[in-house]
C-alpha atoms as a PDB file:
ATOM      1  CA  UNK A   1       0.000   0.000   0.000  1.00  0.00           C
ATOM      2  CA  UNK A   2       2.837   2.406   0.857  1.00  0.00           C
ATOM      3  CA  UNK A   3       4.505   1.668  -2.488  1.00  0.00           C
ATOM      4  CA  UNK A   4       1.290   2.252  -4.415  1.00  0.00           C
ATOM      5  CA  UNK A   5       0.697   5.495  -2.538  1.00  0.00           C
ATOM      6  CA  UNK A   6       4.237   6.617  -3.366  1.00  0.00           C
ATOM      7  CA  UNK A   7       3.692   6.092  -7.091  1.00  0.00           C
ATOM      8  CA  UNK A   8       0.335   7.868  -6.945  1.00  0.00           C
ATOM      9  CA  UNK A   9       2.013  10.869  -5.355  1.00  0.00           C
ATOM     10  CA  UNK A  10       4.672  10.925  -8.086  1.00  0.00           C
ATOM     11  CA  UNK A  11       2.014  10.750 -10.800  1.00  0.00           C
ATOM     12  CA  UNK A  12       0.042  13.593  -9.195  1.00  0.00           C
ATOM     13  CA  UNK A  13       3.217  15.652  -8.946  1.00  0.00           C
ATOM     14  CA  UNK A  14       3.993  15.023 -12.624  1.00  0.00           C
ATOM     15  CA  UNK A  15       0.479  16.085 -13.616  1.00  0.00           C
ATOM     16  CA  UNK A  16       0.827  19.255 -11.558  1.00  0.00           C
ATOM     17  CA  UNK A  17       4.178  20.064 -13.133  1.00  0.00           C
ATOM     18  CA  UNK A  18       2.750  19.554 -16.621  1.00  0.00           C
ATOM     19  CA  UNK A  19       0.156  22.216 -15.820  1.00  0.00           C
ATOM     20  CA  UNK A  20       2.885  24.517 -14.494  1.00  0.00           C
ATOM     21  CA  UNK A  21       4.588  24.098 -17.869  1.00  0.00           C
ATOM     22  CA  UNK A  22       1.489  25.350 -19.690  1.00  0.00           C
ATOM     23  CA  UNK A  23       2.317  26.980 -23.001  1.00  0.00           C
ATOM     24  CA  UNK A  24       5.126  24.478 -23.439  1.00  0.00           C
ATOM     25  CA  UNK A  25       5.818  22.134 -26.334  1.00  0.00           C
ATOM     26  CA  UNK A  26       5.719  18.628 -24.894  1.00  0.00           C
ATOM     27  CA  UNK A  27       7.052  15.781 -27.020  1.00  0.00           C
ATOM     28  CA  UNK A  28       6.889  12.081 -26.283  1.00  0.00           C
ATOM     29  CA  UNK A  29       9.854  10.765 -28.259  1.00  0.00           C
ATOM     30  CA  UNK A  30       7.873   7.716 -29.408  1.00  0.00           C
ATOM     31  CA  UNK A  31       5.356  10.045 -31.106  1.00  0.00           C
ATOM     32  CA  UNK A  32       7.315  13.082 -32.296  1.00  0.00           C
ATOM     33  CA  UNK A  33       5.419  15.607 -34.455  1.00  0.00           C
ATOM     34  CA  UNK A  34       6.534  16.956 -37.842  1.00  0.00           C
ATOM     35  CA  UNK A  35       9.074  14.165 -38.442  1.00  0.00           C
ATOM     36  CA  UNK A  36      10.509  14.801 -41.896  1.00  0.00           C
ATOM     37  CA  UNK A  37      12.656  11.654 -41.910  1.00  0.00           C
ATOM     38  CA  UNK A  38      14.493   9.259 -39.635  1.00  0.00           C
ATOM     39  CA  UNK A  39      17.834   7.492 -39.699  1.00  0.00           C
ATOM     40  CA  UNK A  40      18.065   3.821 -38.843  1.00  0.00           C
ATOM     41  CA  UNK A  41      15.424   1.868 -36.973  1.00  0.00           C
ATOM     42  CA  UNK A  42      14.854   3.155 -33.434  1.00  0.00           C
ATOM     43  CA  UNK A  43      13.001   0.536 -31.391  1.00  0.00           C
ATOM     44  CA  UNK A  44       9.867   1.212 -29.345  1.00  0.00           C
ATOM     45  CA  UNK A  45       9.735  -0.380 -25.895  1.00  0.00           C
ATOM     46  CA  UNK A  46       6.791  -0.489 -23.503  1.00  0.00           C
ATOM     47  CA  UNK A  47       6.975   1.017 -20.006  1.00  0.00           C
ATOM     48  CA  UNK A  48       4.524   1.953 -17.288  1.00  0.00           C
ATOM     49  CA  UNK A  49       4.432   5.487 -18.723  1.00  0.00           C
ATOM     50  CA  UNK A  50       3.905   4.320 -22.286  1.00  0.00           C
ATOM     51  CA  UNK A  51       6.354   3.666 -25.124  1.00  0.00           C
ATOM     52  CA  UNK A  52       9.941   4.850 -25.021  1.00  0.00           C
ATOM     53  CA  UNK A  53      12.540   4.817 -27.799  1.00  0.00           C
ATOM     54  CA  UNK A  54      15.732   2.773 -27.804  1.00  0.00           C
ATOM     55  CA  UNK A  55      18.619   4.283 -29.799  1.00  0.00           C
ATOM     56  CA  UNK A  56      21.519   1.984 -30.663  1.00  0.00           C
ATOM     57  CA  UNK A  57      24.008   4.649 -31.747  1.00  0.00           C
ATOM     58  CA  UNK A  58      22.982   5.008 -35.403  1.00  0.00           C
ATOM     59  CA  UNK A  59      19.389   6.263 -35.228  1.00  0.00           C
ATOM     60  CA  UNK A  60      17.796   9.707 -35.179  1.00  0.00           C
ATOM     61  CA  UNK A  61      14.697  11.717 -35.998  1.00  0.00           C
ATOM     62  CA  UNK A  62      14.700  14.977 -37.973  1.00  0.00           C
ATOM     63  CA  UNK A  63      11.759  17.327 -37.446  1.00  0.00           C
ATOM     64  CA  UNK A  64      10.740  20.083 -39.816  1.00  0.00           C
ATOM     65  CA  UNK A  65      10.194  22.616 -37.011  1.00  0.00           C
ATOM     66  CA  UNK A  66      12.039  24.678 -34.418  1.00  0.00           C
ATOM     67  CA  UNK A  67      10.133  24.901 -31.106  1.00  0.00           C
ATOM     68  CA  UNK A  68      12.413  27.684 -29.837  1.00  0.00           C
ATOM     69  CA  UNK A  69      11.019  30.205 -32.338  1.00  0.00           C
ATOM     70  CA  UNK A  70       9.541  33.238 -30.619  1.00  0.00           C
ATOM     71  CA  UNK A  71      10.691  32.247 -27.119  1.00  0.00           C
ATOM     72  CA  UNK A  72      12.471  35.119 -25.347  1.00  0.00           C
ATOM     73  CA  UNK A  73      13.338  32.825 -22.435  1.00  0.00           C
ATOM     74  CA  UNK A  74      13.258  29.028 -22.494  1.00  0.00           C
ATOM     75  CA  UNK A  75      13.635  25.881 -20.426  1.00  0.00           C
ATOM     76  CA  UNK A  76      14.559  22.719 -22.327  1.00  0.00           C
ATOM     77  CA  UNK A  77      14.035  19.442 -20.437  1.00  0.00           C
ATOM     78  CA  UNK A  78      14.657  15.819 -21.386  1.00  0.00           C
ATOM     79  CA  UNK A  79      13.962  12.444 -19.786  1.00  0.00           C
ATOM     80  CA  UNK A  80      16.540   9.931 -21.011  1.00  0.00           C
ATOM     81  CA  UNK A  81      18.637   6.892 -20.035  1.00  0.00           C
ATOM     82  CA  UNK A  82      22.210   6.823 -21.414  1.00  0.00           C
ATOM     83  CA  UNK A  83      23.929   3.514 -22.093  1.00  0.00           C
ATOM     84  CA  UNK A  84      27.315   2.950 -20.493  1.00  0.00           C
ATOM     85  CA  UNK A  85      28.996   1.892 -23.759  1.00  0.00           C
ATOM     86  CA  UNK A  86      28.025   4.804 -25.981  1.00  0.00           C
ATOM     87  CA  UNK A  87      30.428   7.113 -27.783  1.00  0.00           C
ATOM     88  CA  UNK A  88      32.195   9.736 -25.711  1.00  0.00           C
ATOM     89  CA  UNK A  89      30.457  12.730 -27.335  1.00  0.00           C
ATOM     90  CA  UNK A  90      26.714  12.450 -27.890  1.00  0.00           C
ATOM     91  CA  UNK A  91      24.352  15.229 -29.016  1.00  0.00           C
ATOM     92  CA  UNK A  92      20.933  13.803 -28.206  1.00  0.00           C
ATOM     93  CA  UNK A  93      18.903  16.983 -28.844  1.00  0.00           C
ATOM     94  CA  UNK A  94      19.668  19.735 -31.367  1.00  0.00           C
ATOM     95  CA  UNK A  95      17.294  22.692 -31.849  1.00  0.00           C
ATOM     96  CA  UNK A  96      18.020  25.430 -34.385  1.00  0.00           C
ATOM     97  CA  UNK A  97      20.620  25.628 -37.131  1.00  0.00           C
ATOM     98  CA  UNK A  98      23.406  23.149 -37.901  1.00  0.00           C
ATOM     99  CA  UNK A  99      26.251  25.476 -36.947  1.00  0.00           C
ATOM    100  CA  UNK A 100      24.494  28.813 -36.405  1.00  0.00           C
ATOM    101  CA  UNK A 101      22.015  29.758 -33.682  1.00  0.00           C
ATOM    102  CA  UNK A 102      21.050  26.689 -31.674  1.00  0.00           C
ATOM    103  CA  UNK A 103      20.606  24.848 -28.398  1.00  0.00           C
ATOM    104  CA  UNK A 104      22.071  21.374 -27.900  1.00  0.00           C
ATOM    105  CA  UNK A 105      21.798  18.914 -25.021  1.00  0.00           C
ATOM    106  CA  UNK A 106      24.767  16.569 -24.878  1.00  0.00           C
ATOM    107  CA  UNK A 107      26.484  13.882 -22.835  1.00  0.00           C
ATOM    108  CA  UNK A 108      30.088  12.886 -22.437  1.00  0.00           C
ATOM    109  CA  UNK A 109      30.283   9.168 -21.612  1.00  0.00           C
ATOM    110  CA  UNK A 110      33.564   8.112 -20.015  1.00  0.00           C
ATOM    111  CA  UNK A 111      35.203   4.676 -20.442  1.00  0.00           C
ATOM    112  CA  UNK A 112      34.150   3.738 -16.892  1.00  0.00           C
ATOM    113  CA  UNK A 113      30.470   4.158 -17.812  1.00  0.00           C
ATOM    114  CA  UNK A 114      29.936   7.453 -16.010  1.00  0.00           C
ATOM    115  CA  UNK A 115      28.748  10.516 -17.891  1.00  0.00           C
ATOM    116  CA  UNK A 116      28.545  14.274 -17.466  1.00  0.00           C
ATOM    117  CA  UNK A 117      26.155  16.850 -18.902  1.00  0.00           C
ATOM    118  CA  UNK A 118      26.867  19.514 -21.518  1.00  0.00           C
ATOM    119  CA  UNK A 119      24.256  22.175 -22.302  1.00  0.00           C
ATOM    120  CA  UNK A 120      25.174  24.505 -25.152  1.00  0.00           C
ATOM    121  CA  UNK A 121      23.617  27.608 -26.703  1.00  0.00           C
ATOM    122  CA  UNK A 122      24.724  29.786 -29.590  1.00  0.00           C
ATOM    123  CA  UNK A 123      23.009  33.126 -30.162  1.00  0.00           C
ATOM    124  CA  UNK A 124      22.037  34.615 -33.544  1.00  0.00           C
ATOM    125  CA  UNK A 125      24.922  37.073 -33.158  1.00  0.00           C
ATOM    126  CA  UNK A 126      27.392  34.155 -33.051  1.00  0.00           C
ATOM    127  CA  UNK A 127      28.252  34.197 -29.336  1.00  0.00           C
ATOM    128  CA  UNK A 128      28.044  30.815 -27.636  1.00  0.00           C
ATOM    129  CA  UNK A 129      28.264  29.334 -24.171  1.00  0.00           C
ATOM    130  CA  UNK A 130      28.609  25.771 -22.839  1.00  0.00           C
ATOM    131  CA  UNK A 131      27.707  24.681 -19.313  1.00  0.00           C
ATOM    132  CA  UNK A 132      29.899  21.653 -18.623  1.00  0.00           C
ATOM    133  CA  UNK A 133      31.899  20.306 -15.671  1.00  0.00           C
ATOM    134  CA  UNK A 134      33.911  17.111 -16.040  1.00  0.00           C
ATOM    135  CA  UNK A 135      33.761  16.546 -12.283  1.00  0.00           C
ATOM    136  CA  UNK A 136      29.957  16.347 -12.126  1.00  0.00           C
ATOM    137  CA  UNK A 137      29.617  12.706 -13.144  1.00  0.00           C
ATOM    138  CA  UNK A 138      26.633  10.346 -13.022  1.00  0.00           C
ATOM    139  CA  UNK A 139      26.370   6.555 -13.519  1.00  0.00           C
ATOM    140  CA  UNK A 140      24.842   5.434 -16.814  1.00  0.00           C
ATOM    141  CA  UNK A 141      22.090   2.811 -17.174  1.00  0.00           C
ATOM    142  CA  UNK A 142      19.621   4.905 -15.146  1.00  0.00           C
ATOM    143  CA  UNK A 143      16.826   7.311 -16.075  1.00  0.00           C
ATOM    144  CA  UNK A 144      17.644  10.999 -15.705  1.00  0.00           C
ATOM    145  CA  UNK A 145      16.020  14.383 -16.015  1.00  0.00           C
ATOM    146  CA  UNK A 146      18.171  17.191 -17.415  1.00  0.00           C
ATOM    147  CA  UNK A 147      17.217  20.837 -17.796  1.00  0.00           C
ATOM    148  CA  UNK A 148      18.788  23.821 -19.538  1.00  0.00           C
ATOM    149  CA  UNK A 149      17.299  27.121 -18.361  1.00  0.00           C
ATOM    150  CA  UNK A 150      17.995  30.171 -20.516  1.00  0.00           C
ATOM    151  CA  UNK A 151      17.024  33.478 -18.937  1.00  0.00           C
ATOM    152  CA  UNK A 152      17.430  36.839 -20.602  1.00  0.00           C
ATOM    153  CA  UNK A 153      20.659  37.422 -18.685  1.00  0.00           C
ATOM    154  CA  UNK A 154      21.888  34.015 -17.489  1.00  0.00           C
ATOM    155  CA  UNK A 155      22.014  30.248 -18.081  1.00  0.00           C
ATOM    156  CA  UNK A 156      21.539  27.321 -15.669  1.00  0.00           C
ATOM    157  CA  UNK A 157      21.885  23.550 -16.005  1.00  0.00           C
ATOM    158  CA  UNK A 158      20.404  20.822 -13.801  1.00  0.00           C
ATOM    159  CA  UNK A 159      20.510  17.038 -13.522  1.00  0.00           C
ATOM    160  CA  UNK A 160      17.659  15.390 -11.599  1.00  0.00           C
ATOM    161  CA  UNK A 161      16.647  18.796 -10.289  1.00  0.00           C
ATOM    162  CA  UNK A 162      20.089  19.473  -8.798  1.00  0.00           C
ATOM    163  CA  UNK A 163      21.867  22.627  -9.910  1.00  0.00           C
ATOM    164  CA  UNK A 164      25.114  22.000 -11.793  1.00  0.00           C
ATOM    165  CA  UNK A 165      26.395  25.065 -13.664  1.00  0.00           C
ATOM    166  CA  UNK A 166      25.492  28.668 -14.454  1.00  0.00           C
ATOM    167  CA  UNK A 167      26.872  31.533 -16.497  1.00  0.00           C
ATOM    168  CA  UNK A 168      26.110  35.161 -17.184  1.00  0.00           C
ATOM    169  CA  UNK A 169      24.914  35.162 -20.770  1.00  0.00           C
ATOM    170  CA  UNK A 170      22.282  37.271 -22.569  1.00  0.00           C
ATOM    171  CA  UNK A 171      19.980  34.804 -24.311  1.00  0.00           C
ATOM    172  CA  UNK A 172      18.606  35.802 -27.711  1.00  0.00           C
ATOM    173  CA  UNK A 173      15.570  34.197 -29.336  1.00  0.00           C
ATOM    174  CA  UNK A 174      16.509  31.359 -31.693  1.00  0.00           C
ATOM    175  CA  UNK A 175      14.090  31.511 -34.610  1.00  0.00           C
ATOM    176  CA  UNK A 176      15.892  29.696 -37.422  1.00  0.00           C
ATOM    177  CA  UNK A 177      16.496  26.032 -38.100  1.00  0.00           C
ATOM    178  CA  UNK A 178      14.844  22.703 -37.396  1.00  0.00           C
ATOM    179  CA  UNK A 179      15.181  19.942 -34.768  1.00  0.00           C
ATOM    180  CA  UNK A 180      16.919  16.598 -34.461  1.00  0.00           C
ATOM    181  CA  UNK A 181      16.574  13.977 -31.753  1.00  0.00           C
ATOM    182  CA  UNK A 182      19.276  11.348 -31.328  1.00  0.00           C
ATOM    183  CA  UNK A 183      22.089  13.099 -33.180  1.00  0.00           C
ATOM    184  CA  UNK A 184      23.490  16.487 -34.108  1.00  0.00           C
ATOM    185  CA  UNK A 185      21.972  17.756 -37.348  1.00  0.00           C
ATOM    186  CA  UNK A 186      25.170  17.165 -39.316  1.00  0.00           C
ATOM    187  CA  UNK A 187      24.792  13.454 -38.411  1.00  0.00           C
ATOM    188  CA  UNK A 188      27.715  13.132 -36.033  1.00  0.00           C
ATOM    189  CA  UNK A 189      27.758  12.289 -32.308  1.00  0.00           C
ATOM    190  CA  UNK A 190      24.847   9.832 -32.197  1.00  0.00           C
ATOM    191  CA  UNK A 191      23.088   9.001 -28.930  1.00  0.00           C
ATOM    192  CA  UNK A 192      23.026   5.474 -27.504  1.00  0.00           C
ATOM    193  CA  UNK A 193      20.387   4.757 -24.897  1.00  0.00           C
ATOM    194  CA  UNK A 194      16.702   5.371 -24.323  1.00  0.00           C
ATOM    195  CA  UNK A 195      14.590   8.520 -24.463  1.00  0.00           C
ATOM    196  CA  UNK A 196      11.089   9.195 -23.215  1.00  0.00           C
ATOM    197  CA  UNK A 197      10.188  12.877 -23.229  1.00  0.00           C
ATOM    198  CA  UNK A 198      11.295  16.372 -24.248  1.00  0.00           C
ATOM    199  CA  UNK A 199       9.621  19.557 -23.048  1.00  0.00           C
ATOM    200  CA  UNK A 200      10.358  23.120 -24.197  1.00  0.00           C
ATOM    201  CA  UNK A 201       8.752  25.862 -22.087  1.00  0.00           C
ATOM    202  CA  UNK A 202       8.777  29.587 -23.023  1.00  0.00           C
ATOM    203  CA  UNK A 203       9.925  30.745 -19.591  1.00  0.00           C
ATOM    204  CA  UNK A 204      12.600  30.007 -17.009  1.00  0.00           C
ATOM    205  CA  UNK A 205      11.229  27.170 -14.868  1.00  0.00           C
ATOM    206  CA  UNK A 206      12.200  26.638 -11.236  1.00  0.00           C
ATOM    207  CA  UNK A 207      13.454  23.177 -10.184  1.00  0.00           C
ATOM    208  CA  UNK A 208      10.185  22.414  -8.382  1.00  0.00           C
ATOM    209  CA  UNK A 209       8.415  22.797 -11.737  1.00  0.00           C
ATOM    210  CA  UNK A 210      10.593  20.277 -13.576  1.00  0.00           C
ATOM    211  CA  UNK A 211       9.289  16.980 -14.904  1.00  0.00           C
ATOM    212  CA  UNK A 212       9.573  13.968 -12.584  1.00  0.00           C
ATOM    213  CA  UNK A 213       9.041  11.057 -14.989  1.00  0.00           C
ATOM    214  CA  UNK A 214      12.528   9.656 -14.340  1.00  0.00           C
ATOM    215  CA  UNK A 215      11.488   8.727 -10.790  1.00  0.00           C
ATOM    216  CA  UNK A 216       8.681   6.526 -12.067  1.00  0.00           C
ATOM    217  CA  UNK A 217      10.779   4.938 -14.805  1.00  0.00           C
ATOM    218  CA  UNK A 218      13.621   4.142 -12.394  1.00  0.00           C
ATOM    219  CA  UNK A 219      11.236   2.596  -9.884  1.00  0.00           C
ATOM    220  CA  UNK A 220      10.375  -0.192 -12.337  1.00  0.00           C
ATOM    221  CA  UNK A 221      13.935  -0.992 -13.418  1.00  0.00           C
END
């Protein structure tokens, strides 16, 4: 009974946080909108939250849209599970242009199976900033929530709701480009692991507003 009550509380919290993210673009990776084409054969797997997508290191989706367009501030979140044997550099979400204005969520997977987070933004004027710390490592083969919060004057990165890095940086709206999930748009640095959800919100969310799906997914592992 206590276990069931715990899961019910997590589900209620997730529903509440989805409402707090109103106005957001909320993608389930197993049912991405505006897919122009895909590379390889990503596999759908069933979970308690619905289907997730397994990437084997050669698969990706390309979407004919850029959800960042018009957003003066933005929070980009992802629920994903990195494999321990993936390539060192992996760009699992790329929004915007190939080498111009863009946001990218990335991992660096070390030979020992631990990984660290890299959140990158490049403004339309060409200035870029990466939030990355090689000492902030996490074990692979678990579900995680990552967030990249871009305010008008600063950037913040989080893993599982815990603050990691920040920088003073004036964010500028990224209107050009498209989206790719599972690889950088120039088809290098493929992701290996599983992905469930991506949410892009047109404001700077607080940690208590972040998605919590990783807690449910990890509880059934």
